[in-house]
Amino acid sequence: MNILISNSSGEPIYAQIVSQIRQLILNGELEPGTPLPSIRQLAKDLQISVITTKRAYEELERERLIDSMVGRGSFVSGVNREFLRERRLKALEEKLAEAAAESRMLGLDKRELFELLETVYEEDEQA
């Protein structure tokens, strides 16, 4: 498992870990039952605090992407990837509804909102 941490990112380190492991699971690169590195080992490998890796694993557990067992370690959950994708799509729809409401309050029309979304999307791809 190859996780890259960016110190220049505005995103907290634990969130970077969560998003990268989440993506590996959703893409099928980490199959259900796959063991993850221990919290201590991941902290050592990434040269970060154990507290940070613990927080990332706790977030992944809350999302039901991993299961942790005392004395055995953490493993990719057997949760259906399509179910997880649907949950994430629902969350995205909620954020887009908020963005649409905010754009109306600013007086933007759909075309302007789409242009703004396209700009943000392209900037994110380049980052």
N, C-alpha and C. Protein backbone atom coordinates (compact mmCIF):
# COMPACT_ATOMS: atom_id res chain seq x y z
N MET A 1 0.86 -1.17 0.00
CA MET A 1 0.00 0.00 0.00
C MET A 1 0.90 1.22 0.00
N ASN A 2 0.69 2.06 -1.00
CA ASN A 2 1.54 3.23 -1.16
C ASN A 2 0.73 4.50 -0.87
N ILE A 3 1.01 5.12 0.26
CA ILE A 3 0.33 6.34 0.65
C ILE A 3 1.33 7.49 0.59
N LEU A 4 0.91 8.56 -0.06
CA LEU A 4 1.77 9.73 -0.18
C LEU A 4 1.18 10.87 0.63
N ILE A 5 2.00 11.47 1.46
CA ILE A 5 1.57 12.59 2.30
C ILE A 5 2.18 13.87 1.76
N SER A 6 1.33 14.88 1.60
CA SER A 6 1.80 16.18 1.13
C SER A 6 1.75 17.17 2.29
N ASN A 7 2.89 17.70 2.65
CA ASN A 7 2.95 18.70 3.71
C ASN A 7 2.45 20.06 3.23
N SER A 8 2.41 20.25 1.91
CA SER A 8 1.96 21.53 1.37
C SER A 8 0.45 21.56 1.13
N SER A 9 -0.19 20.40 1.28
CA SER A 9 -1.65 20.33 1.11
C SER A 9 -2.33 21.00 2.29
N GLY A 10 -3.46 21.63 2.02
CA GLY A 10 -4.24 22.23 3.09
C GLY A 10 -5.05 21.18 3.85
N GLU A 11 -5.07 19.96 3.33
CA GLU A 11 -5.83 18.87 3.94
C GLU A 11 -5.02 18.25 5.08
N PRO A 12 -5.64 18.00 6.22
CA PRO A 12 -4.92 17.38 7.34
C PRO A 12 -4.34 16.01 6.93
N ILE A 13 -3.25 15.63 7.57
CA ILE A 13 -2.57 14.37 7.22
C ILE A 13 -3.50 13.17 7.40
N TYR A 14 -4.25 13.13 8.51
CA TYR A 14 -5.13 11.97 8.72
C TYR A 14 -6.15 11.87 7.59
N ALA A 15 -6.64 13.02 7.10
CA ALA A 15 -7.64 13.03 6.02
C ALA A 15 -7.02 12.56 4.70
N GLN A 16 -5.75 12.88 4.49
CA GLN A 16 -5.05 12.40 3.30
C GLN A 16 -4.96 10.88 3.33
N ILE A 17 -4.66 10.33 4.49
CA ILE A 17 -4.56 8.87 4.65
C ILE A 17 -5.93 8.25 4.38
N VAL A 18 -6.97 8.80 5.01
CA VAL A 18 -8.33 8.28 4.84
C VAL A 18 -8.73 8.29 3.37
N SER A 19 -8.53 9.41 2.69
CA SER A 19 -8.98 9.50 1.30
C SER A 19 -8.22 8.54 0.39
N GLN A 20 -6.94 8.34 0.65
CA GLN A 20 -6.17 7.43 -0.20
C GLN A 20 -6.54 5.97 0.05
N ILE A 21 -6.73 5.58 1.31
CA ILE A 21 -7.14 4.21 1.60
C ILE A 21 -8.56 3.98 1.09
N ARG A 22 -9.44 4.96 1.28
CA ARG A 22 -10.82 4.86 0.77
C ARG A 22 -10.81 4.62 -0.73
N GLN A 23 -9.99 5.38 -1.45
CA GLN A 23 -9.92 5.24 -2.90
C GLN A 23 -9.40 3.86 -3.31
N LEU A 24 -8.39 3.35 -2.59
CA LEU A 24 -7.87 2.01 -2.88
C LEU A 24 -8.94 0.94 -2.69
N ILE A 25 -9.77 1.12 -1.67
CA ILE A 25 -10.85 0.16 -1.40
C ILE A 25 -11.93 0.27 -2.47
N LEU A 26 -12.36 1.49 -2.78
CA LEU A 26 -13.42 1.68 -3.77
C LEU A 26 -13.00 1.25 -5.17
N ASN A 27 -11.71 1.38 -5.47
CA ASN A 27 -11.20 0.95 -6.78
C ASN A 27 -10.97 -0.56 -6.84
N GLY A 28 -11.10 -1.23 -5.71
CA GLY A 28 -10.89 -2.68 -5.69
C GLY A 28 -9.44 -3.09 -5.55
N GLU A 29 -8.55 -2.12 -5.34
CA GLU A 29 -7.13 -2.44 -5.18
C GLU A 29 -6.85 -3.08 -3.82
N LEU A 30 -7.70 -2.79 -2.84
CA LEU A 30 -7.65 -3.46 -1.54
C LEU A 30 -8.93 -4.26 -1.40
N GLU A 31 -8.81 -5.57 -1.45
CA GLU A 31 -9.96 -6.47 -1.39
C GLU A 31 -10.42 -6.67 0.05
N PRO A 32 -11.69 -7.04 0.25
CA PRO A 32 -12.17 -7.36 1.59
C PRO A 32 -11.28 -8.42 2.26
N GLY A 33 -10.99 -8.19 3.52
CA GLY A 33 -10.14 -9.11 4.27
C GLY A 33 -8.66 -8.81 4.20
N THR A 34 -8.27 -7.89 3.33
CA THR A 34 -6.86 -7.53 3.21
C THR A 34 -6.40 -6.85 4.49
N PRO A 35 -5.30 -7.35 5.09
CA PRO A 35 -4.81 -6.69 6.30
C PRO A 35 -4.14 -5.36 5.97
N LEU A 36 -4.35 -4.39 6.83
CA LEU A 36 -3.69 -3.10 6.70
C LEU A 36 -2.48 -3.09 7.63
N PRO A 37 -1.51 -2.22 7.35
CA PRO A 37 -0.39 -2.11 8.29
C PRO A 37 -0.90 -1.72 9.67
N SER A 38 -0.20 -2.12 10.71
CA SER A 38 -0.59 -1.70 12.05
C SER A 38 -0.49 -0.19 12.14
N ILE A 39 -1.18 0.37 13.10
CA ILE A 39 -1.14 1.82 13.30
C ILE A 39 0.29 2.28 13.51
N ARG A 40 1.02 1.55 14.33
CA ARG A 40 2.42 1.92 14.59
C ARG A 40 3.29 1.80 13.35
N GLN A 41 3.09 0.73 12.58
CA GLN A 41 3.90 0.52 11.38
C GLN A 41 3.62 1.60 10.34
N LEU A 42 2.35 1.94 10.15
CA LEU A 42 2.03 2.98 9.18
C LEU A 42 2.61 4.32 9.61
N ALA A 43 2.53 4.62 10.91
CA ALA A 43 3.11 5.86 11.43
C ALA A 43 4.62 5.90 11.17
N LYS A 44 5.26 4.76 11.40
CA LYS A 44 6.71 4.68 11.18
C LYS A 44 7.04 4.85 9.69
N ASP A 45 6.30 4.14 8.83
CA ASP A 45 6.54 4.21 7.39
C ASP A 45 6.36 5.63 6.85
N LEU A 46 5.32 6.32 7.35
CA LEU A 46 5.03 7.67 6.86
C LEU A 46 5.76 8.76 7.64
N GLN A 47 6.44 8.35 8.70
CA GLN A 47 7.17 9.27 9.58
C GLN A 47 6.23 10.34 10.14
N ILE A 48 5.12 9.84 10.71
CA ILE A 48 4.14 10.73 11.33
C ILE A 48 3.77 10.17 12.69
N SER A 49 2.94 10.89 13.40
CA SER A 49 2.52 10.50 14.74
C SER A 49 1.57 9.30 14.71
N VAL A 50 1.71 8.44 15.71
CA VAL A 50 0.80 7.32 15.89
C VAL A 50 -0.63 7.84 16.08
N ILE A 51 -0.77 8.97 16.75
CA ILE A 51 -2.09 9.56 16.98
C ILE A 51 -2.77 9.89 15.65
N THR A 52 -2.00 10.36 14.70
CA THR A 52 -2.54 10.71 13.38
C THR A 52 -3.04 9.47 12.66
N THR A 53 -2.25 8.40 12.66
CA THR A 53 -2.68 7.17 11.98
C THR A 53 -3.87 6.54 12.70
N LYS A 54 -3.88 6.63 14.02
CA LYS A 54 -5.01 6.10 14.79
C LYS A 54 -6.29 6.84 14.41
N ARG A 55 -6.20 8.14 14.28
CA ARG A 55 -7.37 8.94 13.90
C ARG A 55 -7.86 8.56 12.50
N ALA A 56 -6.93 8.31 11.58
CA ALA A 56 -7.31 7.91 10.21
C ALA A 56 -8.02 6.56 10.24
N TYR A 57 -7.49 5.60 10.98
CA TYR A 57 -8.11 4.27 11.06
C TYR A 57 -9.48 4.36 11.73
N GLU A 58 -9.61 5.21 12.74
CA GLU A 58 -10.92 5.37 13.40
C GLU A 58 -11.95 5.94 12.43
N GLU A 59 -11.53 6.88 11.59
CA GLU A 59 -12.44 7.46 10.59
C GLU A 59 -12.84 6.39 9.57
N LEU A 60 -11.90 5.57 9.14
CA LEU A 60 -12.21 4.49 8.20
C LEU A 60 -13.15 3.46 8.82
N GLU A 61 -13.01 3.23 10.12
CA GLU A 61 -13.94 2.34 10.82
C GLU A 61 -15.33 2.95 10.88
N ARG A 62 -15.42 4.26 11.16
CA ARG A 62 -16.72 4.93 11.20
C ARG A 62 -17.43 4.82 9.86
N GLU A 63 -16.66 4.88 8.78
CA GLU A 63 -17.22 4.76 7.44
C GLU A 63 -17.48 3.30 7.07
N ARG A 64 -17.13 2.41 7.96
CA ARG A 64 -17.29 0.96 7.79
C ARG A 64 -16.49 0.42 6.61
N LEU A 65 -15.34 1.07 6.34
CA LEU A 65 -14.45 0.60 5.29
C LEU A 65 -13.46 -0.41 5.83
N ILE A 66 -13.14 -0.32 7.12
CA ILE A 66 -12.23 -1.28 7.73
C ILE A 66 -12.82 -1.78 9.04
N ASP A 67 -12.34 -2.92 9.45
CA ASP A 67 -12.68 -3.50 10.75
C ASP A 67 -11.38 -3.69 11.51
N SER A 68 -11.37 -3.27 12.77
CA SER A 68 -10.19 -3.44 13.61
C SER A 68 -10.53 -4.39 14.75
N MET A 69 -9.63 -5.31 15.00
CA MET A 69 -9.81 -6.28 16.07
C MET A 69 -8.60 -6.23 16.99
N VAL A 70 -8.86 -6.05 18.27
CA VAL A 70 -7.79 -5.96 19.25
C VAL A 70 -6.91 -7.22 19.16
N GLY A 71 -5.63 -7.00 19.05
CA GLY A 71 -4.68 -8.10 19.01
C GLY A 71 -4.51 -8.74 17.64
N ARG A 72 -5.40 -8.42 16.69
CA ARG A 72 -5.31 -9.01 15.36
C ARG A 72 -4.96 -7.99 14.29
N GLY A 73 -5.39 -6.75 14.47
CA GLY A 73 -5.09 -5.72 13.49
C GLY A 73 -6.32 -5.18 12.80
N SER A 74 -6.07 -4.48 11.70
CA SER A 74 -7.14 -3.86 10.92
C SER A 74 -7.19 -4.49 9.54
N PHE A 75 -8.42 -4.70 9.05
CA PHE A 75 -8.63 -5.37 7.78
C PHE A 75 -9.68 -4.62 6.97
N VAL A 76 -9.57 -4.71 5.65
CA VAL A 76 -10.58 -4.12 4.78
C VAL A 76 -11.89 -4.84 5.04
N SER A 77 -12.94 -4.07 5.23
CA SER A 77 -14.27 -4.60 5.52
C SER A 77 -14.84 -5.30 4.30
N GLY A 78 -15.80 -6.16 4.55
CA GLY A 78 -16.47 -6.86 3.46
C GLY A 78 -17.65 -6.09 2.92
N VAL A 79 -17.78 -4.80 3.27
CA VAL A 79 -18.91 -4.00 2.82
C VAL A 79 -18.89 -3.90 1.29
N ASN A 80 -20.04 -3.95 0.70
CA ASN A 80 -20.22 -3.89 -0.74
C ASN A 80 -19.73 -2.55 -1.28
N ARG A 81 -18.82 -2.58 -2.24
CA ARG A 81 -18.26 -1.34 -2.82
C ARG A 81 -19.34 -0.49 -3.49
N GLU A 82 -20.32 -1.14 -4.12
CA GLU A 82 -21.39 -0.38 -4.78
C GLU A 82 -22.21 0.40 -3.75
N PHE A 83 -22.44 -0.22 -2.59
CA PHE A 83 -23.15 0.46 -1.50
C PHE A 83 -22.36 1.67 -1.03
N LEU A 84 -21.05 1.51 -0.88
CA LEU A 84 -20.19 2.62 -0.46
C LEU A 84 -20.20 3.74 -1.50
N ARG A 85 -20.18 3.36 -2.76
CA ARG A 85 -20.20 4.35 -3.83
C ARG A 85 -21.52 5.14 -3.79
N GLU A 86 -22.62 4.44 -3.57
CA GLU A 86 -23.92 5.11 -3.49
C GLU A 86 -23.96 6.09 -2.32
N ARG A 87 -23.41 5.69 -1.18
CA ARG A 87 -23.36 6.60 -0.02
C ARG A 87 -22.56 7.85 -0.35
N ARG A 88 -21.43 7.67 -1.01
CA ARG A 88 -20.59 8.81 -1.37
C ARG A 88 -21.29 9.70 -2.39
N LEU A 89 -22.02 9.09 -3.35
CA LEU A 89 -22.76 9.87 -4.33
C LEU A 89 -23.84 10.70 -3.66
N LYS A 90 -24.52 10.13 -2.68
CA LYS A 90 -25.55 10.86 -1.94
C LYS A 90 -24.94 12.06 -1.22
N ALA A 91 -23.78 11.86 -0.61
CA ALA A 91 -23.10 12.97 0.07
C ALA A 91 -22.70 14.05 -0.94
N LEU A 92 -22.24 13.63 -2.11
CA LEU A 92 -21.87 14.59 -3.16
C LEU A 92 -23.10 15.38 -3.62
N GLU A 93 -24.22 14.69 -3.80
CA GLU A 93 -25.44 15.37 -4.20
C GLU A 93 -25.84 16.44 -3.18
N GLU A 94 -25.68 16.14 -1.90
CA GLU A 94 -26.00 17.11 -0.86
C GLU A 94 -25.10 18.34 -0.96
N LYS A 95 -23.82 18.11 -1.20
CA LYS A 95 -22.89 19.23 -1.34
C LYS A 95 -23.21 20.06 -2.58
N LEU A 96 -23.57 19.39 -3.66
CA LEU A 96 -23.93 20.11 -4.88
C LEU A 96 -25.21 20.92 -4.69
N ALA A 97 -26.16 20.38 -3.92
CA ALA A 97 -27.39 21.13 -3.62
C ALA A 97 -27.06 22.39 -2.83
N GLU A 98 -26.12 22.27 -1.90
CA GLU A 98 -25.68 23.45 -1.14
C GLU A 98 -25.03 24.47 -2.07
N ALA A 99 -24.19 23.99 -2.99
CA ALA A 99 -23.51 24.88 -3.93
C ALA A 99 -24.53 25.57 -4.84
N ALA A 100 -25.55 24.82 -5.28
CA ALA A 100 -26.59 25.41 -6.13
C ALA A 100 -27.34 26.50 -5.37
N ALA A 101 -27.69 26.23 -4.12
CA ALA A 101 -28.41 27.22 -3.32
C ALA A 101 -27.56 28.47 -3.12
N GLU A 102 -26.29 28.27 -2.82
CA GLU A 102 -25.38 29.40 -2.62
C GLU A 102 -25.23 30.21 -3.91
N SER A 103 -25.14 29.52 -5.05
CA SER A 103 -24.99 30.25 -6.32
C SER A 103 -26.23 31.09 -6.63
N ARG A 104 -27.41 30.56 -6.28
CA ARG A 104 -28.65 31.34 -6.48
C ARG A 104 -28.62 32.60 -5.62
N MET A 105 -28.16 32.45 -4.37
CA MET A 105 -28.09 33.62 -3.47
C MET A 105 -27.12 34.66 -4.01
N LEU A 106 -26.09 34.21 -4.74
CA LEU A 106 -25.13 35.14 -5.32
C LEU A 106 -25.59 35.69 -6.67
N GLY A 107 -26.72 35.17 -7.15
CA GLY A 107 -27.25 35.65 -8.42
C GLY A 107 -26.61 35.00 -9.64
N LEU A 108 -25.93 33.87 -9.45
CA LEU A 108 -25.33 33.18 -10.59
C LEU A 108 -26.39 32.34 -11.29
N ASP A 109 -26.30 32.27 -12.62
CA ASP A 109 -27.20 31.37 -13.34
C ASP A 109 -26.49 30.01 -13.52
N LYS A 110 -27.21 29.04 -14.09
CA LYS A 110 -26.64 27.69 -14.23
C LYS A 110 -25.35 27.68 -15.03
N ARG A 111 -25.31 28.45 -16.09
CA ARG A 111 -24.12 28.49 -16.94
C ARG A 111 -22.90 28.94 -16.13
N GLU A 112 -23.08 29.99 -15.34
CA GLU A 112 -21.97 30.51 -14.52
C GLU A 112 -21.55 29.47 -13.48
N LEU A 113 -22.53 28.79 -12.89
CA LEU A 113 -22.21 27.75 -11.91
C LEU A 113 -21.44 26.61 -12.56
N PHE A 114 -21.89 26.18 -13.75
CA PHE A 114 -21.19 25.10 -14.46
C PHE A 114 -19.76 25.51 -14.82
N GLU A 115 -19.58 26.77 -15.25
CA GLU A 115 -18.24 27.26 -15.57
C GLU A 115 -17.35 27.25 -14.34
N LEU A 116 -17.92 27.65 -13.21
CA LEU A 116 -17.15 27.65 -11.96
C LEU A 116 -16.78 26.22 -11.57
N LEU A 117 -17.73 25.31 -11.67
CA LEU A 117 -17.47 23.90 -11.35
C LEU A 117 -16.39 23.33 -12.28
N GLU A 118 -16.48 23.65 -13.55
CA GLU A 118 -15.50 23.17 -14.52
C GLU A 118 -14.10 23.69 -14.17
N THR A 119 -14.00 24.96 -13.79
CA THR A 119 -12.71 25.54 -13.41
C THR A 119 -12.15 24.84 -12.18
N VAL A 120 -12.98 24.64 -11.17
CA VAL A 120 -12.53 23.98 -9.94
C VAL A 120 -12.10 22.54 -10.24
N TYR A 121 -12.88 21.85 -11.07
CA TYR A 121 -12.59 20.46 -11.43
C TYR A 121 -11.25 20.36 -12.15
N GLU A 122 -11.02 21.26 -13.09
CA GLU A 122 -9.76 21.25 -13.85
C GLU A 122 -8.57 21.60 -12.96
N GLU A 123 -8.75 22.56 -12.05
CA GLU A 123 -7.66 22.91 -11.13
C GLU A 123 -7.31 21.74 -10.24
N ASP A 124 -8.33 20.99 -9.81
CA ASP A 124 -8.11 19.84 -8.96
C ASP A 124 -7.37 18.73 -9.71
N GLU A 125 -7.67 18.55 -11.01
CA GLU A 125 -6.99 17.54 -11.80
C GLU A 125 -5.51 17.87 -11.96
N GLN A 126 -5.18 19.16 -12.03
CA GLN A 126 -3.80 19.58 -12.23
C GLN A 126 -2.98 19.52 -10.94
N ALA A 127 -3.66 19.51 -9.80
CA ALA A 127 -2.96 19.50 -8.50
C ALA A 127 -2.37 18.15 -8.19
